[in-house]
Protein backbone atom coordinates (compact mmCIF):
# COMPACT_ATOMS: atom_id res chain seq x y z
CA UNK A 1 -38.45 124.18 -34.56
CA UNK A 2 -35.57 125.98 -32.83
CA UNK A 3 -36.04 127.93 -29.64
CA UNK A 4 -35.95 131.72 -29.83
CA UNK A 5 -32.58 133.47 -29.76
CA UNK A 6 -33.52 136.17 -27.23
CA UNK A 7 -36.15 137.09 -24.67
CA UNK A 8 -37.83 134.91 -22.09
CA UNK A 9 -37.62 131.11 -22.25
CA UNK A 10 -39.02 128.78 -19.62
CA UNK A 11 -38.35 125.16 -18.75
CA UNK A 12 -41.61 124.03 -20.37
CA UNK A 13 -40.50 125.39 -23.76
CA UNK A 14 -37.17 123.62 -23.46
CA UNK A 15 -38.93 120.39 -22.50
CA UNK A 16 -41.28 120.68 -25.49
CA UNK A 17 -38.43 121.29 -27.96
CA UNK A 18 -36.57 118.22 -26.72
CA UNK A 19 -39.61 115.93 -26.34
CA UNK A 20 -39.74 115.75 -22.54
CA UNK A 21 -43.29 116.44 -21.35
CA UNK A 22 -42.59 116.17 -17.63
CA UNK A 23 -39.03 117.21 -16.81
CA UNK A 24 -37.99 116.28 -13.30
CA UNK A 25 -34.57 117.90 -13.42
CA UNK A 26 -32.77 120.57 -15.44
CA UNK A 27 -29.87 118.11 -15.71
CA UNK A 28 -31.94 116.07 -18.21
CA UNK A 29 -30.95 118.66 -20.82
CA UNK A 30 -27.18 118.42 -20.89
CA UNK A 31 -25.87 118.37 -24.47
CA UNK A 32 -25.22 114.86 -25.73
CA UNK A 33 -26.95 113.44 -22.69
CA UNK A 34 -29.79 111.71 -24.50
CA UNK A 35 -32.30 114.48 -25.16
CA UNK A 36 -30.23 117.39 -26.45
CA UNK A 37 -28.22 116.37 -29.55
CA UNK A 38 -24.64 117.48 -30.03
CA UNK A 39 -25.31 119.57 -33.15
CA UNK A 40 -24.41 122.97 -34.55
CA UNK A 41 -27.38 124.63 -32.81
CA UNK A 42 -26.58 123.46 -29.30
CA UNK A 43 -22.97 124.49 -28.85
CA UNK A 44 -23.81 126.75 -25.88
CA UNK A 45 -25.52 123.96 -23.96
CA UNK A 46 -23.01 122.42 -21.52
CA UNK A 47 -22.38 118.69 -21.27
CA UNK A 48 -22.05 118.89 -17.47
CA UNK A 49 -21.85 121.32 -14.59
CA UNK A 50 -23.71 124.60 -14.18
CA UNK A 51 -26.41 125.32 -16.75
CA UNK A 52 -28.79 128.27 -17.23
CA UNK A 53 -31.84 129.07 -19.33
CA UNK A 54 -29.77 131.42 -21.53
CA UNK A 55 -27.68 128.45 -22.69
CA UNK A 56 -30.71 127.33 -24.72
CA UNK A 57 -31.13 130.43 -26.89
CA UNK A 58 -31.34 129.20 -30.52
CA UNK A 59 -31.03 125.55 -29.53
CA UNK A 60 -32.88 122.87 -31.47
CA UNK A 61 -33.72 119.18 -31.43
CA UNK A 62 -33.02 119.02 -35.18
CA UNK A 63 -30.37 116.39 -35.90
CA UNK A 64 -28.38 116.93 -39.13
CA UNK A 65 -27.85 113.77 -41.17
CA UNK A 66 -25.71 112.73 -44.10
CA UNK A 67 -27.73 113.70 -47.18
CA UNK A 68 -27.34 113.92 -50.94
CA UNK A 69 -28.86 115.78 -53.88
CA UNK A 70 -28.75 114.49 -57.47
CA UNK A 71 -29.56 116.78 -60.41
CA UNK A 72 -29.67 115.32 -63.93
CA UNK A 73 -32.36 117.41 -65.62
CA UNK A 74 -30.80 119.23 -68.57
CA UNK A 75 -30.71 123.01 -68.37
CA UNK A 76 -30.19 125.80 -65.87
CA UNK A 77 -31.40 126.02 -62.29
CA UNK A 78 -30.48 127.04 -58.77
CA UNK A 79 -29.81 125.17 -55.53
CA UNK A 80 -29.92 126.72 -52.08
CA UNK A 81 -27.36 125.62 -49.50
CA UNK A 82 -29.19 124.40 -46.36
CA UNK A 83 -28.90 126.72 -43.39
CA UNK A 84 -28.43 123.62 -41.22
CA UNK A 85 -25.25 122.59 -43.05
CA UNK A 86 -22.45 121.26 -40.86
CA UNK A 87 -18.92 121.37 -42.25
CA UNK A 88 -17.99 121.01 -45.90
CA UNK A 89 -19.94 120.03 -48.98
CA UNK A 90 -18.72 117.66 -51.68
CA UNK A 91 -19.92 118.59 -55.17
CA UNK A 92 -19.21 116.46 -58.25
CA UNK A 93 -20.28 117.44 -61.75
CA UNK A 94 -20.10 115.58 -65.06
CA UNK A 95 -20.55 116.86 -68.62
CA UNK A 96 -22.85 115.28 -71.19
CA UNK A 97 -21.74 112.21 -73.13
CA UNK A 98 -20.95 112.44 -76.82
CA UNK A 99 -23.23 110.76 -79.34
CA UNK A 100 -22.29 107.66 -81.32
CA UNK A 101 -21.56 107.81 -85.03
CA UNK A 102 -23.79 105.93 -87.46
CA UNK A 103 -21.49 105.25 -90.42
CA UNK A 104 -19.87 103.03 -91.64
CA UNK A 105 -20.31 99.49 -90.31
CA UNK A 106 -18.59 99.10 -86.94
CA UNK A 107 -19.22 102.81 -86.38
CA UNK A 108 -17.39 104.41 -83.43
CA UNK A 109 -18.88 105.50 -80.11
CA UNK A 110 -19.06 108.87 -78.38
CA UNK A 111 -16.73 110.02 -75.62
CA UNK A 112 -17.84 110.23 -71.99
CA UNK A 113 -18.34 113.51 -70.17
CA UNK A 114 -15.49 114.89 -68.06
CA UNK A 115 -15.70 115.43 -64.30
CA UNK A 116 -14.97 118.24 -61.83
CA UNK A 117 -15.05 118.19 -58.04
CA UNK A 118 -15.21 120.69 -55.18
CA UNK A 119 -14.79 119.79 -51.51
CA UNK A 120 -15.05 122.71 -49.13
CA UNK A 121 -17.19 125.30 -47.42
CA UNK A 122 -20.07 127.06 -49.16
CA UNK A 123 -22.01 129.85 -47.49
CA UNK A 124 -25.12 128.61 -45.69
CA UNK A 125 -28.28 129.90 -47.33
CA UNK A 126 -26.46 130.86 -50.55
CA UNK A 127 -28.29 130.29 -53.83
CA UNK A 128 -26.04 128.55 -56.35
CA UNK A 129 -26.62 128.69 -60.11
CA UNK A 130 -25.92 125.58 -62.16
CA UNK A 131 -26.29 124.16 -65.65
CA UNK A 132 -26.55 120.47 -66.64
CA UNK A 133 -25.21 119.71 -70.10
CA UNK A 134 -27.21 117.62 -72.57
CA UNK A 135 -25.98 114.45 -74.19
CA UNK A 136 -24.81 114.70 -77.79
CA UNK A 137 -27.15 113.39 -80.47
CA UNK A 138 -26.50 110.13 -82.32
CA UNK A 139 -26.15 110.90 -86.01
CA UNK A 140 -24.77 109.45 -89.19
CA UNK A 141 -21.51 111.40 -89.07
CA UNK A 142 -20.31 112.70 -86.73
CA UNK A 143 -22.12 112.15 -83.43
CA UNK A 144 -23.00 115.29 -81.46
CA UNK A 145 -20.76 116.74 -78.75
CA UNK A 146 -22.07 116.58 -75.19
CA UNK A 147 -22.88 119.80 -73.38
CA UNK A 148 -20.84 121.43 -70.61
CA UNK A 149 -22.07 121.19 -67.01
CA UNK A 150 -21.30 124.02 -64.57
CA UNK A 151 -21.79 124.77 -60.88
CA UNK A 152 -21.62 128.29 -59.46
CA UNK A 153 -20.60 131.44 -61.27
CA UNK A 154 -17.21 132.79 -62.27
CA UNK A 155 -15.34 134.29 -59.33
CA UNK A 156 -16.88 132.02 -56.69
CA UNK A 157 -14.51 129.62 -54.91
CA UNK A 158 -16.69 126.65 -55.82
CA UNK A 159 -17.17 127.59 -59.49
CA UNK A 160 -16.29 124.76 -61.86
CA UNK A 161 -17.16 123.32 -65.26
CA UNK A 162 -16.93 119.90 -66.90
CA UNK A 163 -16.99 119.60 -70.68
CA UNK A 164 -18.95 117.03 -72.64
CA UNK A 165 -17.50 114.18 -74.65
CA UNK A 166 -17.03 114.50 -78.39
CA UNK A 167 -19.12 112.52 -80.84
CA UNK A 168 -17.84 109.51 -82.73
CA UNK A 169 -16.51 110.37 -86.18
CA UNK A 170 -16.40 108.50 -89.44
CA UNK A 171 -15.76 109.37 -93.09
CA UNK A 172 -13.87 107.86 -95.98
CA UNK A 173 -10.51 108.74 -94.40
CA UNK A 174 -10.93 108.79 -90.61
CA UNK A 175 -13.05 106.56 -88.35
CA UNK A 176 -12.53 107.40 -84.69
CA UNK A 177 -14.30 107.26 -81.35
CA UNK A 178 -14.99 110.60 -79.68
CA UNK A 179 -12.53 112.00 -77.15
CA UNK A 180 -13.67 112.15 -73.53
CA UNK A 181 -14.58 115.47 -71.94
CA UNK A 182 -12.40 117.06 -69.27
CA UNK A 183 -12.76 118.74 -65.87
CA UNK A 184 -10.64 119.82 -62.94
CA UNK A 185 -10.51 116.27 -61.57
CA UNK A 186 -11.43 113.57 -64.09
CA UNK A 187 -11.57 112.72 -67.79
CA UNK A 188 -14.32 110.92 -69.66
CA UNK A 189 -13.55 107.69 -71.45
CA UNK A 190 -12.68 107.75 -75.15
CA UNK A 191 -15.34 106.29 -77.42
CA UNK A 192 -14.57 102.94 -79.02
CA UNK A 193 -12.88 103.16 -82.39
CA UNK A 194 -14.23 101.15 -85.31
CA UNK A 195 -15.33 97.73 -84.03
CA UNK A 196 -13.78 98.54 -80.65
CA UNK A 197 -15.02 98.71 -77.08
CA UNK A 198 -15.35 102.04 -75.29
CA UNK A 199 -12.72 103.13 -72.81
CA UNK A 200 -13.19 103.67 -69.08
CA UNK A 201 -13.25 107.12 -67.54
CA UNK A 202 -10.44 108.29 -65.26
CA UNK A 203 -11.18 109.37 -61.63
CA UNK A 204 -14.52 111.06 -62.36
CA UNK A 205 -16.50 110.99 -65.59
CA UNK A 206 -18.66 109.03 -68.01
CA UNK A 207 -17.42 105.98 -69.88
CA UNK A 208 -16.89 106.05 -73.63
CA UNK A 209 -19.55 104.44 -75.81
CA UNK A 210 -18.61 101.27 -77.62
CA UNK A 211 -18.53 100.99 -81.39
CA UNK A 212 -21.50 99.34 -83.09
CA UNK A 213 -22.54 96.27 -81.01
CA UNK A 214 -19.48 96.60 -78.78
CA UNK A 215 -19.23 97.23 -75.02
CA UNK A 216 -19.15 100.68 -73.47
CA UNK A 217 -16.42 101.74 -71.06
CA UNK A 218 -17.00 101.99 -67.31
CA UNK A 219 -17.79 105.32 -65.70
CA UNK A 220 -15.58 106.55 -62.86
CA UNK A 221 -16.98 107.48 -59.41
CA UNK A 222 -20.59 108.64 -60.02
CA UNK A 223 -20.16 108.67 -63.81
CA UNK A 224 -22.37 106.51 -66.03
CA UNK A 225 -21.09 103.76 -68.30
CA UNK A 226 -20.86 104.20 -72.04
CA UNK A 227 -23.55 102.66 -74.21
CA UNK A 228 -23.21 99.01 -75.25
CA UNK A 229 -24.87 97.06 -78.06
CA UNK A 230 -26.43 100.02 -79.90
CA UNK A 231 -27.75 101.61 -76.69
CA UNK A 232 -27.75 105.13 -75.29
CA UNK A 233 -25.07 106.21 -72.85
CA UNK A 234 -25.93 105.89 -69.16
CA UNK A 235 -26.63 108.92 -66.96
CA UNK A 236 -24.60 110.85 -66.10
CA UNK A 237 -22.23 111.45 -68.94
CA UNK A 238 -21.96 108.08 -70.66
CA UNK A 239 -21.09 108.22 -74.36
CA UNK A 240 -23.51 106.79 -76.93
CA UNK A 241 -22.91 103.52 -78.78
CA UNK A 242 -22.08 103.56 -82.46
CA UNK A 243 -24.41 102.03 -85.01
CA UNK A 244 -24.62 101.10 -88.65
CA UNK A 245 -26.40 103.26 -91.25
CA UNK A 246 -27.63 106.35 -89.39
CA UNK A 247 -28.35 104.64 -86.08
CA UNK A 248 -25.67 106.06 -83.78
CA UNK A 249 -27.08 106.39 -80.25
CA UNK A 250 -27.18 109.61 -78.18
CA UNK A 251 -24.93 110.25 -75.23
CA UNK A 252 -26.39 110.69 -71.74
CA UNK A 253 -27.02 113.99 -70.04
CA UNK A 254 -24.53 115.23 -67.47
CA UNK A 255 -25.25 115.54 -63.77
CA UNK A 256 -24.53 117.22 -60.45
CA UNK A 257 -24.06 115.27 -57.19
CA UNK A 258 -23.99 117.11 -53.85
CA UNK A 259 -23.33 115.42 -50.52
CA UNK A 260 -22.95 116.74 -46.98
CA UNK A 261 -24.42 116.81 -43.49
CA UNK A 262 -27.43 119.03 -42.92
């Protein structure tokens, strides 16, 4: 718990905050000297020389660490930026994977979800709205399109969206894997065409699902691989595998990945 930012502070309170029950010298509490960490709260504490009680207003023993948050539950929600954040955040989002087609034999796979990325400052304590797109359903023809994932709201510097992959398609004239979704940074892999393997995503996104019994494409960065061997796409954003006679597999849900130091 941080020390107060005004009023009277004594040496015993400082010692308690920084886990020193019996301080023998004020010099034990220089910043980066073993007890007082060099963090965002302790910038007024000197590393050497003259030091006073007032240097410890708002100081804290809390040590920010590299942390991450992963959100893959479909639907809307909010995330609050930690007040202890140091520096920039990296946010990566991926749309839902497209579903595989189920007709005819060798049916094509769904496309992977696209990817967007933001690296920069976000206001400490801000509450950010988001939406995680669902994976497209696996149907006879065509497979379902994956849902769009978003982070922030329009007008905010960090606002971004990533679209879902398209479903595999098959009829008497055209049999094609679904196109990959898009974002501001990466593109999902194209679904495998009839009897073909799925394609890998580019930079950031889900891999395309393979055609019936074929191999799904690799996801890029945090993106999931496309479904292989009549399986679902992998979270986040992998396209579903194709299947014969109404057994196309669903694409995976999208996701949001947040990393930083707090």
